[in-house]
Amino acid sequence: MTDCLFCKIIAGDIPSDKVYEDDAVFAFKDIQPKAPTHVLVIPKIHIPTLADAKDPAMLGNLMDKVNHVANDVLKLEAGYRIVINVRKGGGQEVFHLHAHILGDTSGKTRLPF
């Protein structure tokens, strides 16, 4: 999708602070972090919202990759929160399915929400 911000990030047209990439997902630091560690994990295929996702295997793979990024890449051993906002009323701002990983690699911050 040519006008999608996240599709442009995946394509390399817009720079990002990438933390992980494979054939199915792209993960990068949020530019407006809500926690000491705030990373977005997005599928490389354009799906506007979680409500539009119809492929259980893709969703399972996305969650597996979220787990991999949180545990193996970011080393959020003390714990983390996963958030997926759905549609405008649910707080979604960019209409490309994405999961937020929120945590603190130091383990000192307990997320307030």
PDB file of N, CA and C in Angstrom:
ATOM      1  N   MET A   1       0.855  -1.188   0.000  1.00  0.00           N
ATOM      2  CA  MET A   1       0.000   0.000   0.000  1.00  0.00           C
ATOM      3  C   MET A   1       0.891   1.237   0.000  1.00  0.00           C
ATOM      4  N   THR A   2       0.784   2.067  -0.997  1.00  0.00           N
ATOM      5  CA  THR A   2       1.725   3.152  -1.212  1.00  0.00           C
ATOM      6  C   THR A   2       1.621   4.298  -0.225  1.00  0.00           C
ATOM      7  N   ASP A   3       0.468   4.542   0.380  1.00  0.00           N
ATOM      8  CA  ASP A   3       0.331   5.667   1.292  1.00  0.00           C
ATOM      9  C   ASP A   3       0.444   5.268   2.758  1.00  0.00           C
ATOM     10  N   CYS A   4       0.775   4.033   3.044  1.00  0.00           N
ATOM     11  CA  CYS A   4       0.869   3.543   4.417  1.00  0.00           C
ATOM     12  C   CYS A   4       2.260   3.831   4.990  1.00  0.00           C
ATOM     13  N   LEU A   5       2.292   4.521   6.113  1.00  0.00           N
ATOM     14  CA  LEU A   5       3.540   4.869   6.776  1.00  0.00           C
ATOM     15  C   LEU A   5       4.387   3.627   7.065  1.00  0.00           C
ATOM     16  N   PHE A   6       3.762   2.576   7.616  1.00  0.00           N
ATOM     17  CA  PHE A   6       4.526   1.384   7.976  1.00  0.00           C
ATOM     18  C   PHE A   6       4.991   0.618   6.746  1.00  0.00           C
ATOM     19  N   CYS A   7       4.214   0.609   5.683  1.00  0.00           N
ATOM     20  CA  CYS A   7       4.672  -0.022   4.441  1.00  0.00           C
ATOM     21  C   CYS A   7       5.899   0.706   3.901  1.00  0.00           C
ATOM     22  N   LYS A   8       5.927   2.027   4.038  1.00  0.00           N
ATOM     23  CA  LYS A   8       7.078   2.817   3.602  1.00  0.00           C
ATOM     24  C   LYS A   8       8.300   2.527   4.472  1.00  0.00           C
ATOM     25  N   ILE A   9       8.092   2.294   5.761  1.00  0.00           N
ATOM     26  CA  ILE A   9       9.198   1.932   6.653  1.00  0.00           C
ATOM     27  C   ILE A   9       9.757   0.575   6.251  1.00  0.00           C
ATOM     28  N   ILE A  10       8.880  -0.399   6.013  1.00  0.00           N
ATOM     29  CA  ILE A  10       9.312  -1.733   5.589  1.00  0.00           C
ATOM     30  C   ILE A  10      10.123  -1.643   4.291  1.00  0.00           C
ATOM     31  N   ALA A  11       9.661  -0.819   3.360  1.00  0.00           N
ATOM     32  CA  ALA A  11      10.327  -0.675   2.059  1.00  0.00           C
ATOM     33  C   ALA A  11      11.654   0.084   2.152  1.00  0.00           C
ATOM     34  N   GLY A  12      11.898   0.737   3.286  1.00  0.00           N
ATOM     35  CA  GLY A  12      13.124   1.513   3.445  1.00  0.00           C
ATOM     36  C   GLY A  12      12.997   2.932   2.946  1.00  0.00           C
ATOM     37  N   ASP A  13      11.791   3.342   2.567  1.00  0.00           N
ATOM     38  CA  ASP A  13      11.568   4.701   2.080  1.00  0.00           C
ATOM     39  C   ASP A  13      11.571   5.724   3.211  1.00  0.00           C
ATOM     40  N   ILE A  14      11.253   5.281   4.415  1.00  0.00           N
ATOM     41  CA  ILE A  14      11.278   6.126   5.611  1.00  0.00           C
ATOM     42  C   ILE A  14      12.209   5.437   6.603  1.00  0.00           C
ATOM     43  N   PRO A  15      13.169   6.169   7.165  1.00  0.00           N
ATOM     44  CA  PRO A  15      14.107   5.533   8.098  1.00  0.00           C
ATOM     45  C   PRO A  15      13.430   5.131   9.406  1.00  0.00           C
ATOM     46  N   SER A  16      13.965   4.083  10.022  1.00  0.00           N
ATOM     47  CA  SER A  16      13.484   3.636  11.328  1.00  0.00           C
ATOM     48  C   SER A  16      14.663   3.071  12.101  1.00  0.00           C
ATOM     49  N   ASP A  17      14.463   2.922  13.388  1.00  0.00           N
ATOM     50  CA  ASP A  17      15.482   2.311  14.241  1.00  0.00           C
ATOM     51  C   ASP A  17      15.124   0.830  14.376  1.00  0.00           C
ATOM     52  N   LYS A  18      15.529   0.056  13.379  1.00  0.00           N
ATOM     53  CA  LYS A  18      15.158  -1.358  13.297  1.00  0.00           C
ATOM     54  C   LYS A  18      15.830  -2.160  14.399  1.00  0.00           C
ATOM     55  N   VAL A  19      15.037  -3.073  15.007  1.00  0.00           N
ATOM     56  CA  VAL A  19      15.610  -3.980  16.003  1.00  0.00           C
ATOM     57  C   VAL A  19      15.555  -5.436  15.543  1.00  0.00           C
ATOM     58  N   TYR A  20      14.692  -5.743  14.557  1.00  0.00           N
ATOM     59  CA  TYR A  20      14.582  -7.123  14.070  1.00  0.00           C
ATOM     60  C   TYR A  20      13.853  -7.114  12.729  1.00  0.00           C
ATOM     61  N   GLU A  21      14.241  -8.052  11.873  1.00  0.00           N
ATOM     62  CA  GLU A  21      13.534  -8.229  10.606  1.00  0.00           C
ATOM     63  C   GLU A  21      13.738  -9.663  10.144  1.00  0.00           C
ATOM     64  N   ASP A  22      12.678 -10.249   9.599  1.00  0.00           N
ATOM     65  CA  ASP A  22      12.784 -11.526   8.901  1.00  0.00           C
ATOM     66  C   ASP A  22      11.865 -11.463   7.692  1.00  0.00           C
ATOM     67  N   ASP A  23      11.557 -12.590   7.101  1.00  0.00           N
ATOM     68  CA  ASP A  23      10.743 -12.582   5.881  1.00  0.00           C
ATOM     69  C   ASP A  23       9.286 -12.195   6.127  1.00  0.00           C
ATOM     70  N   ALA A  24       8.817 -12.262   7.372  1.00  0.00           N
ATOM     71  CA  ALA A  24       7.400 -12.015   7.648  1.00  0.00           C
ATOM     72  C   ALA A  24       7.117 -10.754   8.458  1.00  0.00           C
ATOM     73  N   VAL A  25       8.064 -10.321   9.295  1.00  0.00           N
ATOM     74  CA  VAL A  25       7.809  -9.181  10.184  1.00  0.00           C
ATOM     75  C   VAL A  25       8.982  -8.211  10.185  1.00  0.00           C
ATOM     76  N   PHE A  26       8.684  -7.013  10.665  1.00  0.00           N
ATOM     77  CA  PHE A  26       9.667  -5.940  10.818  1.00  0.00           C
ATOM     78  C   PHE A  26       9.411  -5.329  12.189  1.00  0.00           C
ATOM     79  N   ALA A  27      10.460  -5.140  12.988  1.00  0.00           N
ATOM     80  CA  ALA A  27      10.307  -4.546  14.317  1.00  0.00           C
ATOM     81  C   ALA A  27      11.230  -3.339  14.440  1.00  0.00           C
ATOM     82  N   PHE A  28      10.699  -2.270  15.019  1.00  0.00           N
ATOM     83  CA  PHE A  28      11.471  -1.041  15.154  1.00  0.00           C
ATOM     84  C   PHE A  28      11.019  -0.262  16.378  1.00  0.00           C
ATOM     85  N   LYS A  29      11.891   0.634  16.854  1.00  0.00           N
ATOM     86  CA  LYS A  29      11.585   1.443  18.031  1.00  0.00           C
ATOM     87  C   LYS A  29      10.517   2.478  17.701  1.00  0.00           C
ATOM     88  N   ASP A  30       9.582   2.646  18.629  1.00  0.00           N
ATOM     89  CA  ASP A  30       8.534   3.656  18.486  1.00  0.00           C
ATOM     90  C   ASP A  30       9.167   5.040  18.617  1.00  0.00           C
ATOM     91  N   ILE A  31       8.754   5.979  17.768  1.00  0.00           N
ATOM     92  CA  ILE A  31       9.341   7.322  17.823  1.00  0.00           C
ATOM     93  C   ILE A  31       8.759   8.163  18.961  1.00  0.00           C
ATOM     94  N   GLN A  32       7.650   7.708  19.563  1.00  0.00           N
ATOM     95  CA  GLN A  32       7.071   8.381  20.725  1.00  0.00           C
ATOM     96  C   GLN A  32       6.880   7.337  21.827  1.00  0.00           C
ATOM     97  N   PRO A  33       7.983   6.876  22.438  1.00  0.00           N
ATOM     98  CA  PRO A  33       7.890   5.771  23.388  1.00  0.00           C
ATOM     99  C   PRO A  33       7.055   6.088  24.623  1.00  0.00           C
ATOM    100  N   LYS A  34       6.306   5.087  25.053  1.00  0.00           N
ATOM    101  CA  LYS A  34       5.467   5.193  26.246  1.00  0.00           C
ATOM    102  C   LYS A  34       6.062   4.404  27.407  1.00  0.00           C
ATOM    103  N   ALA A  35       7.233   3.806  27.203  1.00  0.00           N
ATOM    104  CA  ALA A  35       7.939   3.037  28.221  1.00  0.00           C
ATOM    105  C   ALA A  35       9.428   3.104  27.876  1.00  0.00           C
ATOM    106  N   PRO A  36      10.312   2.755  28.825  1.00  0.00           N
ATOM    107  CA  PRO A  36      11.745   2.785  28.517  1.00  0.00           C
ATOM    108  C   PRO A  36      12.109   1.968  27.276  1.00  0.00           C
ATOM    109  N   THR A  37      11.443   0.844  27.063  1.00  0.00           N
ATOM    110  CA  THR A  37      11.595   0.081  25.835  1.00  0.00           C
ATOM    111  C   THR A  37      10.226   0.027  25.183  1.00  0.00           C
ATOM    112  N   HIS A  38      10.121   0.525  23.950  1.00  0.00           N
ATOM    113  CA  HIS A  38       8.846   0.545  23.224  1.00  0.00           C
ATOM    114  C   HIS A  38       9.149   0.237  21.761  1.00  0.00           C
ATOM    115  N   VAL A  39       8.787  -0.969  21.357  1.00  0.00           N
ATOM    116  CA  VAL A  39       9.072  -1.449  20.011  1.00  0.00           C
ATOM    117  C   VAL A  39       7.772  -1.870  19.346  1.00  0.00           C
ATOM    118  N   LEU A  40       7.657  -1.607  18.060  1.00  0.00           N
ATOM    119  CA  LEU A  40       6.507  -2.048  17.268  1.00  0.00           C
ATOM    120  C   LEU A  40       6.929  -3.237  16.421  1.00  0.00           C
ATOM    121  N   VAL A  41       6.070  -4.244  16.360  1.00  0.00           N
ATOM    122  CA  VAL A  41       6.289  -5.394  15.488  1.00  0.00           C
ATOM    123  C   VAL A  41       5.138  -5.412  14.492  1.00  0.00           C
ATOM    124  N   ILE A  42       5.481  -5.392  13.197  1.00  0.00           N
ATOM    125  CA  ILE A  42       4.457  -5.302  12.160  1.00  0.00           C
ATOM    126  C   ILE A  42       4.649  -6.408  11.129  1.00  0.00           C
ATOM    127  N   PRO A  43       3.539  -6.938  10.629  1.00  0.00           N
ATOM    128  CA  PRO A  43       3.672  -7.892   9.527  1.00  0.00           C
ATOM    129  C   PRO A  43       4.092  -7.149   8.262  1.00  0.00           C
ATOM    130  N   LYS A  44       4.819  -7.833   7.405  1.00  0.00           N
ATOM    131  CA  LYS A  44       5.255  -7.196   6.157  1.00  0.00           C
ATOM    132  C   LYS A  44       4.127  -7.088   5.140  1.00  0.00           C
ATOM    133  N   ILE A  45       3.072  -7.827   5.337  1.00  0.00           N
ATOM    134  CA  ILE A  45       1.910  -7.663   4.459  1.00  0.00           C
ATOM    135  C   ILE A  45       0.989  -6.617   5.078  1.00  0.00           C
ATOM    136  N   HIS A  46       0.362  -5.824   4.247  1.00  0.00           N
ATOM    137  CA  HIS A  46      -0.500  -4.752   4.743  1.00  0.00           C
ATOM    138  C   HIS A  46      -1.856  -5.312   5.159  1.00  0.00           C
ATOM    139  N   ILE A  47      -2.146  -5.181   6.431  1.00  0.00           N
ATOM    140  CA  ILE A  47      -3.461  -5.506   6.995  1.00  0.00           C
ATOM    141  C   ILE A  47      -3.822  -4.299   7.846  1.00  0.00           C
ATOM    142  N   PRO A  48      -4.911  -3.605   7.553  1.00  0.00           N
ATOM    143  CA  PRO A  48      -5.209  -2.352   8.252  1.00  0.00           C
ATOM    144  C   PRO A  48      -5.356  -2.483   9.771  1.00  0.00           C
ATOM    145  N   THR A  49      -6.112  -3.460  10.247  1.00  0.00           N
ATOM    146  CA  THR A  49      -6.347  -3.609  11.684  1.00  0.00           C
ATOM    147  C   THR A  49      -6.415  -5.090  12.045  1.00  0.00           C
ATOM    148  N   LEU A  50      -6.345  -5.368  13.329  1.00  0.00           N
ATOM    149  CA  LEU A  50      -6.515  -6.745  13.794  1.00  0.00           C
ATOM    150  C   LEU A  50      -7.870  -7.281  13.368  1.00  0.00           C
ATOM    151  N   ALA A  51      -8.876  -6.416  13.333  1.00  0.00           N
ATOM    152  CA  ALA A  51     -10.222  -6.833  12.919  1.00  0.00           C
ATOM    153  C   ALA A  51     -10.264  -7.286  11.464  1.00  0.00           C
ATOM    154  N   ASP A  52      -9.301  -6.865  10.661  1.00  0.00           N
ATOM    155  CA  ASP A  52      -9.237  -7.252   9.251  1.00  0.00           C
ATOM    156  C   ASP A  52      -8.406  -8.510   9.020  1.00  0.00           C
ATOM    157  N   ALA A  53      -7.726  -8.989  10.044  1.00  0.00           N
ATOM    158  CA  ALA A  53      -6.837 -10.145   9.903  1.00  0.00           C
ATOM    159  C   ALA A  53      -7.673 -11.419   9.844  1.00  0.00           C
ATOM    160  N   LYS A  54      -7.540 -12.161   8.766  1.00  0.00           N
ATOM    161  CA  LYS A  54      -8.337 -13.368   8.561  1.00  0.00           C
ATOM    162  C   LYS A  54      -7.499 -14.636   8.510  1.00  0.00           C
ATOM    163  N   ASP A  55      -6.188 -14.515   8.671  1.00  0.00           N
ATOM    164  CA  ASP A  55      -5.291 -15.655   8.543  1.00  0.00           C
ATOM    165  C   ASP A  55      -4.752 -16.051   9.920  1.00  0.00           C
ATOM    166  N   PRO A  56      -5.306 -17.105  10.532  1.00  0.00           N
ATOM    167  CA  PRO A  56      -4.844 -17.512  11.863  1.00  0.00           C
ATOM    168  C   PRO A  56      -3.357 -17.862  11.905  1.00  0.00           C
ATOM    169  N   ALA A  57      -2.833 -18.450  10.839  1.00  0.00           N
ATOM    170  CA  ALA A  57      -1.410 -18.800  10.816  1.00  0.00           C
ATOM    171  C   ALA A  57      -0.548 -17.544  10.843  1.00  0.00           C
ATOM    172  N   MET A  58      -0.930 -16.510  10.114  1.00  0.00           N
ATOM    173  CA  MET A  58      -0.183 -15.251  10.108  1.00  0.00           C
ATOM    174  C   MET A  58      -0.230 -14.613  11.494  1.00  0.00           C
ATOM    175  N   LEU A  59      -1.412 -14.633  12.127  1.00  0.00           N
ATOM    176  CA  LEU A  59      -1.539 -14.047  13.460  1.00  0.00           C
ATOM    177  C   LEU A  59      -0.703 -14.822  14.478  1.00  0.00           C
ATOM    178  N   GLY A  60      -0.711 -16.144  14.375  1.00  0.00           N
ATOM    179  CA  GLY A  60       0.111 -16.953  15.266  1.00  0.00           C
ATOM    180  C   GLY A  60       1.584 -16.669  15.066  1.00  0.00           C
ATOM    181  N   ASN A  61       2.007 -16.534  13.822  1.00  0.00           N
ATOM    182  CA  ASN A  61       3.400 -16.211  13.528  1.00  0.00           C
ATOM    183  C   ASN A  61       3.757 -14.827  14.060  1.00  0.00           C
ATOM    184  N   LEU A  62       2.847 -13.862  13.904  1.00  0.00           N
ATOM    185  CA  LEU A  62       3.098 -12.516  14.415  1.00  0.00           C
ATOM    186  C   LEU A  62       3.324 -12.562  15.926  1.00  0.00           C
ATOM    187  N   MET A  63       2.473 -13.287  16.645  1.00  0.00           N
ATOM    188  CA  MET A  63       2.626 -13.368  18.103  1.00  0.00           C
ATOM    189  C   MET A  63       3.901 -14.126  18.478  1.00  0.00           C
ATOM    190  N   ASP A  64       4.261 -15.131  17.710  1.00  0.00           N
ATOM    191  CA  ASP A  64       5.510 -15.847  17.948  1.00  0.00           C
ATOM    192  C   ASP A  64       6.696 -14.899  17.778  1.00  0.00           C
ATOM    193  N   LYS A  65       6.651 -14.062  16.761  1.00  0.00           N
ATOM    194  CA  LYS A  65       7.743 -13.103  16.510  1.00  0.00           C
ATOM    195  C   LYS A  65       7.771 -12.021  17.583  1.00  0.00           C
ATOM    196  N   VAL A  66       6.603 -11.586  18.064  1.00  0.00           N
ATOM    197  CA  VAL A  66       6.547 -10.625  19.175  1.00  0.00           C
ATOM    198  C   VAL A  66       7.260 -11.224  20.385  1.00  0.00           C
ATOM    199  N   ASN A  67       6.948 -12.476  20.685  1.00  0.00           N
ATOM    200  CA  ASN A  67       7.583 -13.179  21.799  1.00  0.00           C
ATOM    201  C   ASN A  67       9.099 -13.255  21.594  1.00  0.00           C
ATOM    202  N   HIS A  68       9.525 -13.600  20.387  1.00  0.00           N
ATOM    203  CA  HIS A  68      10.954 -13.692  20.074  1.00  0.00           C
ATOM    204  C   HIS A  68      11.648 -12.339  20.266  1.00  0.00           C
ATOM    205  N   VAL A  69      11.056 -11.284  19.739  1.00  0.00           N
ATOM    206  CA  VAL A  69      11.663  -9.958  19.855  1.00  0.00           C
ATOM    207  C   VAL A  69      11.744  -9.548  21.331  1.00  0.00           C
ATOM    208  N   ALA A  70      10.662  -9.731  22.075  1.00  0.00           N
ATOM    209  CA  ALA A  70      10.638  -9.325  23.486  1.00  0.00           C
ATOM    210  C   ALA A  70      11.650 -10.104  24.323  1.00  0.00           C
ATOM    211  N   ASN A  71      11.697 -11.411  24.128  1.00  0.00           N
ATOM    212  CA  ASN A  71      12.542 -12.250  24.977  1.00  0.00           C
ATOM    213  C   ASN A  71      13.976 -12.379  24.483  1.00  0.00           C
ATOM    214  N   ASP A  72      14.157 -12.659  23.211  1.00  0.00           N
ATOM    215  CA  ASP A  72      15.483 -12.982  22.691  1.00  0.00           C
ATOM    216  C   ASP A  72      16.253 -11.782  22.152  1.00  0.00           C
ATOM    217  N   VAL A  73      15.547 -10.812  21.600  1.00  0.00           N
ATOM    218  CA  VAL A  73      16.222  -9.640  21.028  1.00  0.00           C
ATOM    219  C   VAL A  73      16.344  -8.528  22.070  1.00  0.00           C
ATOM    220  N   LEU A  74      15.221  -8.173  22.695  1.00  0.00           N
ATOM    221  CA  LEU A  74      15.223  -7.069  23.654  1.00  0.00           C
ATOM    222  C   LEU A  74      15.630  -7.497  25.062  1.00  0.00           C
ATOM    223  N   LYS A  75      15.535  -8.785  25.357  1.00  0.00           N
ATOM    224  CA  LYS A  75      15.908  -9.329  26.678  1.00  0.00           C
ATOM    225  C   LYS A  75      15.089  -8.714  27.810  1.00  0.00           C
ATOM    226  N   LEU A  76      13.769  -8.649  27.615  1.00  0.00           N
ATOM    227  CA  LEU A  76      12.880  -8.090  28.628  1.00  0.00           C
ATOM    228  C   LEU A  76      12.540  -9.171  29.656  1.00  0.00           C
ATOM    229  N   GLU A  77      13.563  -9.586  30.400  1.00  0.00           N
ATOM    230  CA  GLU A  77      13.447 -10.712  31.320  1.00  0.00           C
ATOM    231  C   GLU A  77      12.524 -10.441  32.493  1.00  0.00           C
ATOM    232  N   ALA A  78      12.380  -9.174  32.904  1.00  0.00           N
ATOM    233  CA  ALA A  78      11.515  -8.847  34.035  1.00  0.00           C
ATOM    234  C   ALA A  78      10.039  -8.837  33.645  1.00  0.00           C
ATOM    235  N   GLY A  79       9.768  -8.815  32.339  1.00  0.00           N
ATOM    236  CA  GLY A  79       8.396  -8.807  31.861  1.00  0.00           C
ATOM    237  C   GLY A  79       8.156  -7.677  30.885  1.00  0.00           C
ATOM    238  N   TYR A  80       7.014  -7.749  30.249  1.00  0.00           N
ATOM    239  CA  TYR A  80       6.653  -6.757  29.246  1.00  0.00           C
ATOM    240  C   TYR A  80       5.157  -6.804  28.999  1.00  0.00           C
ATOM    241  N   ARG A  81       4.677  -5.800  28.303  1.00  0.00           N
ATOM    242  CA  ARG A  81       3.264  -5.712  27.950  1.00  0.00           C
ATOM    243  C   ARG A  81       3.161  -5.677  26.442  1.00  0.00           C
ATOM    244  N   ILE A  82       2.145  -6.361  25.909  1.00  0.00           N
ATOM    245  CA  ILE A  82       1.850  -6.339  24.475  1.00  0.00           C
ATOM    246  C   ILE A  82       0.516  -5.631  24.306  1.00  0.00           C
ATOM    247  N   VAL A  83       0.473  -4.655  23.408  1.00  0.00           N
ATOM    248  CA  VAL A  83      -0.756  -3.907  23.146  1.00  0.00           C
ATOM    249  C   VAL A  83      -1.000  -3.883  21.645  1.00  0.00           C
ATOM    250  N   ILE A  84      -2.233  -4.180  21.249  1.00  0.00           N
ATOM    251  CA  ILE A  84      -2.662  -4.011  19.861  1.00  0.00           C
ATOM    252  C   ILE A  84      -3.913  -3.147  19.890  1.00  0.00           C
ATOM    253  N   ASN A  85      -3.796  -1.924  19.404  1.00  0.00           N
ATOM    254  CA  ASN A  85      -4.948  -1.031  19.316  1.00  0.00           C
ATOM    255  C   ASN A  85      -5.703  -1.353  18.030  1.00  0.00           C
ATOM    256  N   VAL A  86      -7.028  -1.349  18.119  1.00  0.00           N
ATOM    257  CA  VAL A  86      -7.849  -1.710  16.960  1.00  0.00           C
ATOM    258  C   VAL A  86      -8.810  -0.572  16.633  1.00  0.00           C
ATOM    259  N   ARG A  87      -8.645  -0.049  15.447  1.00  0.00           N
ATOM    260  CA  ARG A  87      -9.465   1.042  14.898  1.00  0.00           C
ATOM    261  C   ARG A  87      -9.272   2.345  15.689  1.00  0.00           C
ATOM    262  N   LYS A  88      -9.793   3.403  15.142  1.00  0.00           N
ATOM    263  CA  LYS A  88      -9.618   4.731  15.731  1.00  0.00           C
ATOM    264  C   LYS A  88     -10.137   4.787  17.165  1.00  0.00           C
ATOM    265  N   GLY A  89     -11.308   4.221  17.404  1.00  0.00           N
ATOM    266  CA  GLY A  89     -11.893   4.239  18.741  1.00  0.00           C
ATOM    267  C   GLY A  89     -11.078   3.455  19.758  1.00  0.00           C
ATOM    268  N   GLY A  90     -10.253   2.534  19.295  1.00  0.00           N
ATOM    269  CA  GLY A  90      -9.385   1.754  20.165  1.00  0.00           C
ATOM    270  C   GLY A  90      -7.992   2.338  20.295  1.00  0.00           C
ATOM    271  N   GLY A  91      -7.784   3.512  19.713  1.00  0.00           N
ATOM    272  CA  GLY A  91      -6.507   4.192  19.841  1.00  0.00           C
ATOM    273  C   GLY A  91      -5.536   3.949  18.701  1.00  0.00           C
ATOM    274  N   GLN A  92      -5.957   3.229  17.661  1.00  0.00           N
ATOM    275  CA  GLN A  92      -5.057   2.976  16.539  1.00  0.00           C
ATOM    276  C   GLN A  92      -4.855   4.259  15.745  1.00  0.00           C
ATOM    277  N   GLU A  93      -3.588   4.599  15.478  1.00  0.00           N
ATOM    278  CA  GLU A  93      -3.261   5.814  14.734  1.00  0.00           C
ATOM    279  C   GLU A  93      -2.732   5.515  13.340  1.00  0.00           C
ATOM    280  N   VAL A  94      -1.994   4.417  13.188  1.00  0.00           N
ATOM    281  CA  VAL A  94      -1.489   4.003  11.879  1.00  0.00           C
ATOM    282  C   VAL A  94      -2.235   2.739  11.501  1.00  0.00           C
ATOM    283  N   PHE A  95      -2.897   2.758  10.356  1.00  0.00           N
ATOM    284  CA  PHE A  95      -3.758   1.646   9.969  1.00  0.00           C
ATOM    285  C   PHE A  95      -2.995   0.594   9.170  1.00  0.00           C
ATOM    286  N   HIS A  96      -2.084  -0.030   9.898  1.00  0.00           N
ATOM    287  CA  HIS A  96      -1.330  -1.210   9.477  1.00  0.00           C
ATOM    288  C   HIS A  96      -1.173  -1.989  10.786  1.00  0.00           C
ATOM    289  N   LEU A  97      -1.689  -3.203  10.829  1.00  0.00           N
ATOM    290  CA  LEU A  97      -1.642  -4.012  12.041  1.00  0.00           C
ATOM    291  C   LEU A  97      -0.256  -3.948  12.678  1.00  0.00           C
ATOM    292  N   HIS A  98      -0.210  -3.685  13.982  1.00  0.00           N
ATOM    293  CA  HIS A  98       1.056  -3.653  14.693  1.00  0.00           C
ATOM    294  C   HIS A  98       0.849  -3.942  16.173  1.00  0.00           C
ATOM    295  N   ALA A  99       1.847  -4.602  16.746  1.00  0.00           N
ATOM    296  CA  ALA A  99       1.845  -4.898  18.174  1.00  0.00           C
ATOM    297  C   ALA A  99       2.914  -4.045  18.848  1.00  0.00           C
ATOM    298  N   HIS A 100       2.538  -3.423  19.950  1.00  0.00           N
ATOM    299  CA  HIS A 100       3.470  -2.644  20.752  1.00  0.00           C
ATOM    300  C   HIS A 100       4.064  -3.567  21.824  1.00  0.00           C
ATOM    301  N   ILE A 101       5.373  -3.574  21.944  1.00  0.00           N
ATOM    302  CA  ILE A 101       6.044  -4.233  23.062  1.00  0.00           C
ATOM    303  C   ILE A 101       6.527  -3.127  23.981  1.00  0.00           C
ATOM    304  N   LEU A 102       6.054  -3.149  25.230  1.00  0.00           N
ATOM    305  CA  LEU A 102       6.424  -2.125  26.206  1.00  0.00           C
ATOM    306  C   LEU A 102       7.091  -2.801  27.398  1.00  0.00           C
ATOM    307  N   GLY A 103       8.234  -2.298  27.794  1.00  0.00           N
ATOM    308  CA  GLY A 103       8.938  -2.873  28.930  1.00  0.00           C
ATOM    309  C   GLY A 103      10.117  -2.020  29.333  1.00  0.00           C
ATOM    310  N   ASP A 104      10.981  -2.613  30.141  1.00  0.00           N
ATOM    311  CA  ASP A 104      12.175  -1.919  30.626  1.00  0.00           C
ATOM    312  C   ASP A 104      13.277  -2.962  30.749  1.00  0.00           C
ATOM    313  N   THR A 105      14.312  -2.830  29.957  1.00  0.00           N
ATOM    314  CA  THR A 105      15.398  -3.829  29.985  1.00  0.00           C
ATOM    315  C   THR A 105      16.129  -3.855  31.321  1.00  0.00           C
ATOM    316  N   SER A 106      16.054  -2.783  32.103  1.00  0.00           N
ATOM    317  CA  SER A 106      16.728  -2.770  33.406  1.00  0.00           C
ATOM    318  C   SER A 106      15.928  -3.566  34.433  1.00  0.00           C
ATOM    319  N   GLY A 107      14.644  -3.761  34.163  1.00  0.00           N
ATOM    320  CA  GLY A 107      13.797  -4.462  35.122  1.00  0.00           C
ATOM    321  C   GLY A 107      13.385  -3.608  36.309  1.00  0.00           C
ATOM    322  N   LYS A 108      13.750  -2.326  36.300  1.00  0.00           N
ATOM    323  CA  LYS A 108      13.466  -1.452  37.435  1.00  0.00           C
ATOM    324  C   LYS A 108      12.107  -0.773  37.344  1.00  0.00           C
ATOM    325  N   THR A 109      11.594  -0.619  36.150  1.00  0.00           N
ATOM    326  CA  THR A 109      10.336   0.089  35.977  1.00  0.00           C
ATOM    327  C   THR A 109       9.189  -0.891  35.867  1.00  0.00           C
ATOM    328  N   ARG A 110       8.179  -0.726  36.709  1.00  0.00           N
ATOM    329  CA  ARG A 110       6.943  -1.492  36.570  1.00  0.00           C
ATOM    330  C   ARG A 110       5.994  -0.608  35.773  1.00  0.00           C
ATOM    331  N   LEU A 111       5.496  -1.147  34.684  1.00  0.00           N
ATOM    332  CA  LEU A 111       4.647  -0.338  33.820  1.00  0.00           C
ATOM    333  C   LEU A 111       3.399   0.104  34.574  1.00  0.00           C
ATOM    334  N   PRO A 112       3.062   1.392  34.475  1.00  0.00           N
ATOM    335  CA  PRO A 112       1.962   1.941  35.265  1.00  0.00           C
ATOM    336  C   PRO A 112       0.564   1.651  34.721  1.00  0.00           C
ATOM    337  N   PHE A 113       0.468   0.998  33.581  1.00  0.00           N
ATOM    338  CA  PHE A 113      -0.863   0.778  33.016  1.00  0.00           C
ATOM    339  C   PHE A 113      -1.051  -0.662  32.654  1.00  0.00           C
TER     340      PHE A 113
END
